[in-house]
Amino acid sequence: MALRRGHVDLASGRFRQKAGGSPGEPPTTSGEPPREIPEWLEQVRLTVESEAPLLRTLMVRAINAVLQFTALSESAIANATEAPTNLVVLLRALSSPELLDDLRQADPLAPAFIRGIEATRRLINDHGGALTAAQAAALLGISRQMVDKRRQSGKLLAVSTGRYGYRYPVWQFHESGVLPGLEDVLRALSPHDSWMQVAFFVSKNERLGGHTPIETLSIGKLDLVLDAAAAYGEHGAE
């Protein structure tokens, strides 16, 4: 069932419709009898009210922003709801054409920022996902501390997930430990940040005959990948 335009009043736990809302649905007035609060909305109210004031303000404003999703087309809604996680649902919805103009007016860089988040997510999820430090340690048969040391010394590639620590792309692990030549290529890519390094490994490269560095390393052609890594960034990712 589509939401009506308006906002959530968490003091009462009720949805307040804006005047002049959807056709055939008159705006809420004080003379209307109270409606039963849907279970999901009551849960939202209880959750938000239990948070600290600043976080509560953030959550209320975010909820009211989500109500703008009623403007989305059916195709945009379908695309968003097919996303694998709730946060990606939000990213896809915000990236919809119906909302991009509003975002651009508020912040000219906002659409590009959202697209960038989605692109970096796909760098990991579209290529096997990533492991936690503990999972990487179990796979390699070493301690978590050793995994951290390898990351810090540039022998393993990891991307930061903020307070959730680091995640290690799955493709760098091999039956013999790690992908052959990984450490040498990471050394050549050291001027670039971790996301640029991930992009290099998973992207098709003209210098490698249209293959990715991962594919090329897997057949033992380290020198070719090192040449491509040395040229990486000269004119953008190749």
C-alpha atoms as a PDB file:
ATOM      1  CA  MET A   1       0.000   0.000   0.000  1.00  0.00           C
ATOM      2  CA  ALA A   2       1.484   3.363  -1.023  1.00  0.00           C
ATOM      3  CA  LEU A   3       2.208   5.920   1.660  1.00  0.00           C
ATOM      4  CA  ARG A   4       0.490   9.277   1.504  1.00  0.00           C
ATOM      5  CA  ARG A   5       2.453  12.495   1.358  1.00  0.00           C
ATOM      6  CA  GLY A   6       3.013  14.022   4.760  1.00  0.00           C
ATOM      7  CA  HIS A   7       5.120  13.394   7.805  1.00  0.00           C
ATOM      8  CA  VAL A   8       5.282  11.164  10.821  1.00  0.00           C
ATOM      9  CA  ASP A   9       4.279  12.814  14.079  1.00  0.00           C
ATOM     10  CA  LEU A  10       6.116  10.694  16.615  1.00  0.00           C
ATOM     11  CA  ALA A  11       4.558  12.493  19.534  1.00  0.00           C
ATOM     12  CA  SER A  12       1.247  10.859  18.651  1.00  0.00           C
ATOM     13  CA  GLY A  13       2.609   8.007  16.570  1.00  0.00           C
ATOM     14  CA  ARG A  14       0.307   9.018  13.700  1.00  0.00           C
ATOM     15  CA  PHE A  15       0.866   9.909  10.076  1.00  0.00           C
ATOM     16  CA  ARG A  16      -0.036  13.533   9.358  1.00  0.00           C
ATOM     17  CA  GLN A  17      -1.059  14.223   5.789  1.00  0.00           C
ATOM     18  CA  LYS A  18      -0.181  17.552   4.218  1.00  0.00           C
ATOM     19  CA  ALA A  19      -3.048  19.786   3.171  1.00  0.00           C
ATOM     20  CA  GLY A  20      -3.809  19.231  -0.481  1.00  0.00           C
ATOM     21  CA  GLY A  21      -2.448  15.690  -0.403  1.00  0.00           C
ATOM     22  CA  SER A  22      -3.426  12.805  -2.636  1.00  0.00           C
ATOM     23  CA  PRO A  23      -6.699  13.207  -4.568  1.00  0.00           C
ATOM     24  CA  GLY A  24      -9.679  11.799  -2.739  1.00  0.00           C
ATOM     25  CA  GLU A  25      -7.869  11.839   0.631  1.00  0.00           C
ATOM     26  CA  PRO A  26      -8.743  14.998   2.628  1.00  0.00           C
ATOM     27  CA  PRO A  27      -6.080  16.349   4.958  1.00  0.00           C
ATOM     28  CA  THR A  28      -6.105  15.281   8.579  1.00  0.00           C
ATOM     29  CA  THR A  29      -7.988  17.640  10.865  1.00  0.00           C
ATOM     30  CA  SER A  30      -8.342  17.828  14.590  1.00  0.00           C
ATOM     31  CA  GLY A  31     -12.020  16.888  14.228  1.00  0.00           C
ATOM     32  CA  GLU A  32     -11.275  13.440  12.822  1.00  0.00           C
ATOM     33  CA  PRO A  33     -11.713  10.464  15.140  1.00  0.00           C
ATOM     34  CA  PRO A  34      -8.367   8.934  16.182  1.00  0.00           C
ATOM     35  CA  ARG A  35      -7.230   6.097  13.962  1.00  0.00           C
ATOM     36  CA  GLU A  36      -5.720   2.899  15.220  1.00  0.00           C
ATOM     37  CA  ILE A  37      -1.931   3.112  15.070  1.00  0.00           C
ATOM     38  CA  PRO A  38      -0.435   0.469  12.736  1.00  0.00           C
ATOM     39  CA  GLU A  39       1.875  -1.922  14.514  1.00  0.00           C
ATOM     40  CA  TRP A  40       4.868  -0.947  12.361  1.00  0.00           C
ATOM     41  CA  LEU A  41       4.381   2.757  13.105  1.00  0.00           C
ATOM     42  CA  GLU A  42       4.029   2.119  16.829  1.00  0.00           C
ATOM     43  CA  GLN A  43       7.293   0.165  16.696  1.00  0.00           C
ATOM     44  CA  VAL A  44       8.964   3.105  14.936  1.00  0.00           C
ATOM     45  CA  ARG A  45       7.651   5.484  17.594  1.00  0.00           C
ATOM     46  CA  LEU A  46       8.875   3.341  20.475  1.00  0.00           C
ATOM     47  CA  THR A  47      12.286   2.833  18.869  1.00  0.00           C
ATOM     48  CA  VAL A  48      12.834   6.509  18.132  1.00  0.00           C
ATOM     49  CA  GLU A  49      11.614   7.717  21.510  1.00  0.00           C
ATOM     50  CA  SER A  50      14.149   5.510  23.302  1.00  0.00           C
ATOM     51  CA  GLU A  51      17.107   7.191  21.602  1.00  0.00           C
ATOM     52  CA  ALA A  52      19.132  10.211  22.685  1.00  0.00           C
ATOM     53  CA  PRO A  53      17.669  13.592  21.568  1.00  0.00           C
ATOM     54  CA  LEU A  54      20.159  14.245  18.770  1.00  0.00           C
ATOM     55  CA  LEU A  55      19.829  10.752  17.325  1.00  0.00           C
ATOM     56  CA  ARG A  56      16.051  10.995  17.698  1.00  0.00           C
ATOM     57  CA  THR A  57      16.072  14.182  15.627  1.00  0.00           C
ATOM     58  CA  LEU A  58      18.156  12.472  12.956  1.00  0.00           C
ATOM     59  CA  MET A  59      15.837   9.460  12.821  1.00  0.00           C
ATOM     60  CA  VAL A  60      12.665  11.560  12.635  1.00  0.00           C
ATOM     61  CA  ARG A  61      14.046  13.698   9.800  1.00  0.00           C
ATOM     62  CA  ALA A  62      15.244  10.594   7.961  1.00  0.00           C
ATOM     63  CA  ILE A  63      11.807   8.976   8.282  1.00  0.00           C
ATOM     64  CA  ASN A  64      10.119  12.093   6.920  1.00  0.00           C
ATOM     65  CA  ALA A  65      12.608  12.152   4.037  1.00  0.00           C
ATOM     66  CA  VAL A  66      11.701   8.552   3.219  1.00  0.00           C
ATOM     67  CA  LEU A  67       8.064   9.601   2.845  1.00  0.00           C
ATOM     68  CA  GLN A  68       9.159  11.465  -0.286  1.00  0.00           C
ATOM     69  CA  PHE A  69       9.613   8.059  -1.912  1.00  0.00           C
ATOM     70  CA  THR A  70       5.882   8.244  -2.747  1.00  0.00           C
ATOM     71  CA  ALA A  71       6.991  10.352  -5.736  1.00  0.00           C
ATOM     72  CA  LEU A  72       8.940   7.460  -7.258  1.00  0.00           C
ATOM     73  CA  SER A  73       7.830   5.694 -10.416  1.00  0.00           C
ATOM     74  CA  GLU A  74       6.934   2.013 -10.342  1.00  0.00           C
ATOM     75  CA  SER A  75      10.182   1.115 -12.105  1.00  0.00           C
ATOM     76  CA  ALA A  76      12.239   3.099  -9.576  1.00  0.00           C
ATOM     77  CA  ILE A  77      10.401   1.421  -6.697  1.00  0.00           C
ATOM     78  CA  ALA A  78      10.992  -2.015  -8.207  1.00  0.00           C
ATOM     79  CA  ASN A  79      14.695  -1.279  -8.701  1.00  0.00           C
ATOM     80  CA  ALA A  80      15.085  -0.083  -5.102  1.00  0.00           C
ATOM     81  CA  THR A  81      13.219  -2.954  -3.477  1.00  0.00           C
ATOM     82  CA  GLU A  82      15.353  -5.519  -5.317  1.00  0.00           C
ATOM     83  CA  ALA A  83      18.421  -4.268  -3.414  1.00  0.00           C
ATOM     84  CA  PRO A  84      20.087  -6.828  -1.105  1.00  0.00           C
ATOM     85  CA  THR A  85      20.108  -4.691   2.070  1.00  0.00           C
ATOM     86  CA  ASN A  86      17.987  -1.932   3.603  1.00  0.00           C
ATOM     87  CA  LEU A  87      20.734   0.671   3.230  1.00  0.00           C
ATOM     88  CA  VAL A  88      21.135  -0.127  -0.455  1.00  0.00           C
ATOM     89  CA  VAL A  89      17.357   0.216  -0.854  1.00  0.00           C
ATOM     90  CA  LEU A  90      17.744   3.798   0.377  1.00  0.00           C
ATOM     91  CA  LEU A  91      20.680   4.485  -1.939  1.00  0.00           C
ATOM     92  CA  ARG A  92      18.809   3.241  -4.978  1.00  0.00           C
ATOM     93  CA  ALA A  93      15.685   5.178  -4.071  1.00  0.00           C
ATOM     94  CA  LEU A  94      17.655   8.387  -3.564  1.00  0.00           C
ATOM     95  CA  SER A  95      19.352   7.818  -6.918  1.00  0.00           C
ATOM     96  CA  SER A  96      15.998   7.732  -8.723  1.00  0.00           C
ATOM     97  CA  PRO A  97      15.426  10.475 -11.313  1.00  0.00           C
ATOM     98  CA  GLU A  98      12.384  11.747  -9.426  1.00  0.00           C
ATOM     99  CA  LEU A  99      14.533  12.762  -6.448  1.00  0.00           C
ATOM    100  CA  LEU A 100      17.811  13.706  -8.117  1.00  0.00           C
ATOM    101  CA  ASP A 101      16.713  17.241  -8.981  1.00  0.00           C
ATOM    102  CA  ASP A 102      15.730  17.935  -5.369  1.00  0.00           C
ATOM    103  CA  LEU A 103      19.033  16.527  -4.168  1.00  0.00           C
ATOM    104  CA  ARG A 104      20.971  18.566  -6.715  1.00  0.00           C
ATOM    105  CA  GLN A 105      19.245  21.764  -5.596  1.00  0.00           C
ATOM    106  CA  ALA A 106      20.055  21.043  -1.960  1.00  0.00           C
ATOM    107  CA  ASP A 107      23.653  20.021  -2.713  1.00  0.00           C
ATOM    108  CA  PRO A 108      25.048  19.944  -6.270  1.00  0.00           C
ATOM    109  CA  LEU A 109      27.430  17.138  -5.304  1.00  0.00           C
ATOM    110  CA  ALA A 110      24.832  14.932  -3.595  1.00  0.00           C
ATOM    111  CA  PRO A 111      23.841  12.828  -6.640  1.00  0.00           C
ATOM    112  CA  ALA A 112      27.476  12.092  -7.483  1.00  0.00           C
ATOM    113  CA  PHE A 113      28.168  11.248  -3.841  1.00  0.00           C
ATOM    114  CA  ILE A 114      25.297   8.735  -3.749  1.00  0.00           C
ATOM    115  CA  ARG A 115      26.342   7.159  -7.029  1.00  0.00           C
ATOM    116  CA  GLY A 116      29.883   6.888  -5.663  1.00  0.00           C
ATOM    117  CA  ILE A 117      28.688   4.994  -2.599  1.00  0.00           C
ATOM    118  CA  GLU A 118      26.762   2.557  -4.777  1.00  0.00           C
ATOM    119  CA  ALA A 119      29.761   2.096  -7.087  1.00  0.00           C
ATOM    120  CA  THR A 120      32.146   1.304  -4.219  1.00  0.00           C
ATOM    121  CA  ARG A 121      29.663  -1.168  -2.748  1.00  0.00           C
ATOM    122  CA  ARG A 122      29.470  -2.961  -6.062  1.00  0.00           C
ATOM    123  CA  LEU A 123      33.269  -3.202  -6.259  1.00  0.00           C
ATOM    124  CA  ILE A 124      33.033  -5.606  -3.335  1.00  0.00           C
ATOM    125  CA  ASN A 125      29.644  -7.305  -3.664  1.00  0.00           C
ATOM    126  CA  ASP A 126      29.836  -7.992  -7.387  1.00  0.00           C
ATOM    127  CA  HIS A 127      33.144  -9.788  -6.977  1.00  0.00           C
ATOM    128  CA  GLY A 128      32.491 -12.323  -4.253  1.00  0.00           C
ATOM    129  CA  GLY A 129      32.062 -10.122  -1.198  1.00  0.00           C
ATOM    130  CA  ALA A 130      34.526  -9.604   1.635  1.00  0.00           C
ATOM    131  CA  LEU A 131      35.657 -11.226   4.871  1.00  0.00           C
ATOM    132  CA  THR A 132      36.108  -9.861   8.354  1.00  0.00           C
ATOM    133  CA  ALA A 133      39.580  -9.972   9.880  1.00  0.00           C
ATOM    134  CA  ALA A 134      38.531 -12.993  11.945  1.00  0.00           C
ATOM    135  CA  GLN A 135      37.268 -14.828   8.848  1.00  0.00           C
ATOM    136  CA  ALA A 136      40.439 -13.992   6.925  1.00  0.00           C
ATOM    137  CA  ALA A 137      42.529 -15.267   9.830  1.00  0.00           C
ATOM    138  CA  ALA A 138      40.614 -18.558   9.911  1.00  0.00           C
ATOM    139  CA  LEU A 139      41.007 -18.972   6.160  1.00  0.00           C
ATOM    140  CA  LEU A 140      44.745 -18.335   6.266  1.00  0.00           C
ATOM    141  CA  GLY A 141      45.305 -20.309   9.457  1.00  0.00           C
ATOM    142  CA  ILE A 142      46.888 -17.373  11.295  1.00  0.00           C
ATOM    143  CA  SER A 143      45.872 -15.082  14.143  1.00  0.00           C
ATOM    144  CA  ARG A 144      43.726 -11.991  13.663  1.00  0.00           C
ATOM    145  CA  GLN A 145      46.670  -9.909  14.836  1.00  0.00           C
ATOM    146  CA  MET A 146      48.763 -11.325  12.012  1.00  0.00           C
ATOM    147  CA  VAL A 147      46.047 -10.427   9.531  1.00  0.00           C
ATOM    148  CA  ASP A 148      46.137  -6.840  10.823  1.00  0.00           C
ATOM    149  CA  LYS A 149      49.922  -6.763  10.489  1.00  0.00           C
ATOM    150  CA  ARG A 150      49.741  -8.006   6.915  1.00  0.00           C
ATOM    151  CA  ARG A 151      47.193  -5.319   6.079  1.00  0.00           C
ATOM    152  CA  GLN A 152      49.314  -2.606   7.663  1.00  0.00           C
ATOM    153  CA  SER A 153      52.414  -3.743   5.800  1.00  0.00           C
ATOM    154  CA  GLY A 154      50.606  -3.864   2.449  1.00  0.00           C
ATOM    155  CA  LYS A 155      50.533  -7.641   2.090  1.00  0.00           C
ATOM    156  CA  LEU A 156      46.734  -7.920   2.247  1.00  0.00           C
ATOM    157  CA  LEU A 157      44.145  -5.585   0.776  1.00  0.00           C
ATOM    158  CA  ALA A 158      41.335  -4.333   2.982  1.00  0.00           C
ATOM    159  CA  VAL A 159      38.798  -1.521   2.847  1.00  0.00           C
ATOM    160  CA  SER A 160      37.642   0.399   5.888  1.00  0.00           C
ATOM    161  CA  THR A 161      34.016   0.078   6.990  1.00  0.00           C
ATOM    162  CA  GLY A 162      34.262   2.684   9.742  1.00  0.00           C
ATOM    163  CA  ARG A 163      33.323   1.410  13.171  1.00  0.00           C
ATOM    164  CA  TYR A 164      32.918  -2.102  11.741  1.00  0.00           C
ATOM    165  CA  GLY A 165      36.651  -2.338  11.079  1.00  0.00           C
ATOM    166  CA  TYR A 166      38.115  -3.653   7.839  1.00  0.00           C
ATOM    167  CA  ARG A 167      36.811  -6.033   5.212  1.00  0.00           C
ATOM    168  CA  TYR A 168      39.068  -8.170   3.025  1.00  0.00           C
ATOM    169  CA  PRO A 169      37.897  -8.816  -0.575  1.00  0.00           C
ATOM    170  CA  VAL A 170      37.426 -12.545  -1.096  1.00  0.00           C
ATOM    171  CA  TRP A 171      39.113 -12.710  -4.505  1.00  0.00           C
ATOM    172  CA  GLN A 172      42.597 -12.077  -3.025  1.00  0.00           C
ATOM    173  CA  PHE A 173      42.528 -15.414  -1.203  1.00  0.00           C
ATOM    174  CA  HIS A 174      43.721 -18.533  -2.975  1.00  0.00           C
ATOM    175  CA  GLU A 175      43.994 -22.220  -2.178  1.00  0.00           C
ATOM    176  CA  SER A 176      47.687 -21.667  -1.438  1.00  0.00           C
ATOM    177  CA  GLY A 177      47.006 -18.669   0.811  1.00  0.00           C
ATOM    178  CA  VAL A 178      46.687 -15.504  -1.248  1.00  0.00           C
ATOM    179  CA  LEU A 179      46.508 -14.761  -4.953  1.00  0.00           C
ATOM    180  CA  PRO A 180      49.988 -15.321  -6.483  1.00  0.00           C
ATOM    181  CA  GLY A 181      51.804 -12.010  -6.920  1.00  0.00           C
ATOM    182  CA  LEU A 182      49.349 -10.084  -4.712  1.00  0.00           C
ATOM    183  CA  GLU A 183      52.016  -8.552  -2.485  1.00  0.00           C
ATOM    184  CA  ASP A 184      54.113  -7.387  -5.459  1.00  0.00           C
ATOM    185  CA  VAL A 185      51.136  -5.746  -7.137  1.00  0.00           C
ATOM    186  CA  LEU A 186      50.008  -4.077  -3.901  1.00  0.00           C
ATOM    187  CA  ARG A 187      53.498  -2.628  -3.570  1.00  0.00           C
ATOM    188  CA  ALA A 188      53.230  -1.173  -7.075  1.00  0.00           C
ATOM    189  CA  LEU A 189      49.794   0.246  -6.229  1.00  0.00           C
ATOM    190  CA  SER A 190      50.861   1.762  -2.905  1.00  0.00           C
ATOM    191  CA  PRO A 191      50.399   5.388  -4.095  1.00  0.00           C
ATOM    192  CA  HIS A 192      46.666   4.690  -4.472  1.00  0.00           C
ATOM    193  CA  ASP A 193      44.065   4.292  -1.739  1.00  0.00           C
ATOM    194  CA  SER A 194      42.457   0.935  -1.002  1.00  0.00           C
ATOM    195  CA  TRP A 195      39.331   1.564  -3.090  1.00  0.00           C
ATOM    196  CA  MET A 196      41.443   2.487  -6.116  1.00  0.00           C
ATOM    197  CA  GLN A 197      43.424  -0.695  -5.572  1.00  0.00           C
ATOM    198  CA  VAL A 198      40.245  -2.782  -5.463  1.00  0.00           C
ATOM    199  CA  ALA A 199      39.045  -1.112  -8.671  1.00  0.00           C
ATOM    200  CA  PHE A 200      42.337  -1.979 -10.388  1.00  0.00           C
ATOM    201  CA  PHE A 201      42.174  -5.672  -9.517  1.00  0.00           C
ATOM    202  CA  VAL A 202      38.552  -6.248 -10.560  1.00  0.00           C
ATOM    203  CA  SER A 203      38.401  -4.090 -13.707  1.00  0.00           C
ATOM    204  CA  LYS A 204      39.096  -5.261 -17.241  1.00  0.00           C
ATOM    205  CA  ASN A 205      42.359  -3.768 -18.443  1.00  0.00           C
ATOM    206  CA  GLU A 206      43.362  -3.045 -22.033  1.00  0.00           C
ATOM    207  CA  ARG A 207      47.004  -3.699 -21.190  1.00  0.00           C
ATOM    208  CA  LEU A 208      45.983  -7.210 -20.173  1.00  0.00           C
ATOM    209  CA  GLY A 209      44.037  -7.945 -23.331  1.00  0.00           C
ATOM    210  CA  GLY A 210      40.725  -7.018 -21.768  1.00  0.00           C
ATOM    211  CA  HIS A 211      41.214  -9.347 -18.795  1.00  0.00           C
ATOM    212  CA  THR A 212      41.249  -8.307 -15.157  1.00  0.00           C
ATOM    213  CA  PRO A 213      44.458  -8.351 -13.080  1.00  0.00           C
ATOM    214  CA  ILE A 214      42.887 -11.114 -10.962  1.00  0.00           C
ATOM    215  CA  GLU A 215      42.463 -13.312 -14.036  1.00  0.00           C
ATOM    216  CA  THR A 216      45.947 -12.515 -15.283  1.00  0.00           C
ATOM    217  CA  LEU A 217      47.611 -13.258 -11.946  1.00  0.00           C
ATOM    218  CA  SER A 218      45.754 -16.561 -11.712  1.00  0.00           C
ATOM    219  CA  ILE A 219      47.558 -17.792 -14.839  1.00  0.00           C
ATOM    220  CA  GLY A 220      50.967 -16.632 -13.603  1.00  0.00           C
ATOM    221  CA  LYS A 221      51.522 -13.505 -15.706  1.00  0.00           C
ATOM    222  CA  LEU A 222      52.754 -11.271 -12.891  1.00  0.00           C
ATOM    223  CA  ASP A 223      55.002  -9.097 -15.073  1.00  0.00           C
ATOM    224  CA  LEU A 224      52.081  -8.008 -17.236  1.00  0.00           C
ATOM    225  CA  VAL A 225      50.058  -7.029 -14.176  1.00  0.00           C
ATOM    226  CA  LEU A 226      52.995  -5.109 -12.687  1.00  0.00           C
ATOM    227  CA  ASP A 227      53.320  -3.131 -15.932  1.00  0.00           C
ATOM    228  CA  ALA A 228      49.606  -2.346 -15.825  1.00  0.00           C
ATOM    229  CA  ALA A 229      49.860  -1.369 -12.146  1.00  0.00           C
ATOM    230  CA  ALA A 230      52.760   0.990 -12.897  1.00  0.00           C
ATOM    231  CA  ALA A 231      50.641   2.745 -15.526  1.00  0.00           C
ATOM    232  CA  TYR A 232      47.493   2.798 -13.372  1.00  0.00           C
ATOM    233  CA  GLY A 233      46.196   6.268 -12.769  1.00  0.00           C
ATOM    234  CA  GLU A 234      48.195   7.961 -15.517  1.00  0.00           C
ATOM    235  CA  HIS A 235      44.990   8.609 -17.435  1.00  0.00           C
ATOM    236  CA  GLY A 236      42.517   7.195 -14.922  1.00  0.00           C
ATOM    237  CA  ALA A 237      41.849   3.517 -14.400  1.00  0.00           C
ATOM    238  CA  GLU A 238      42.598   1.674 -17.668  1.00  0.00           C
END
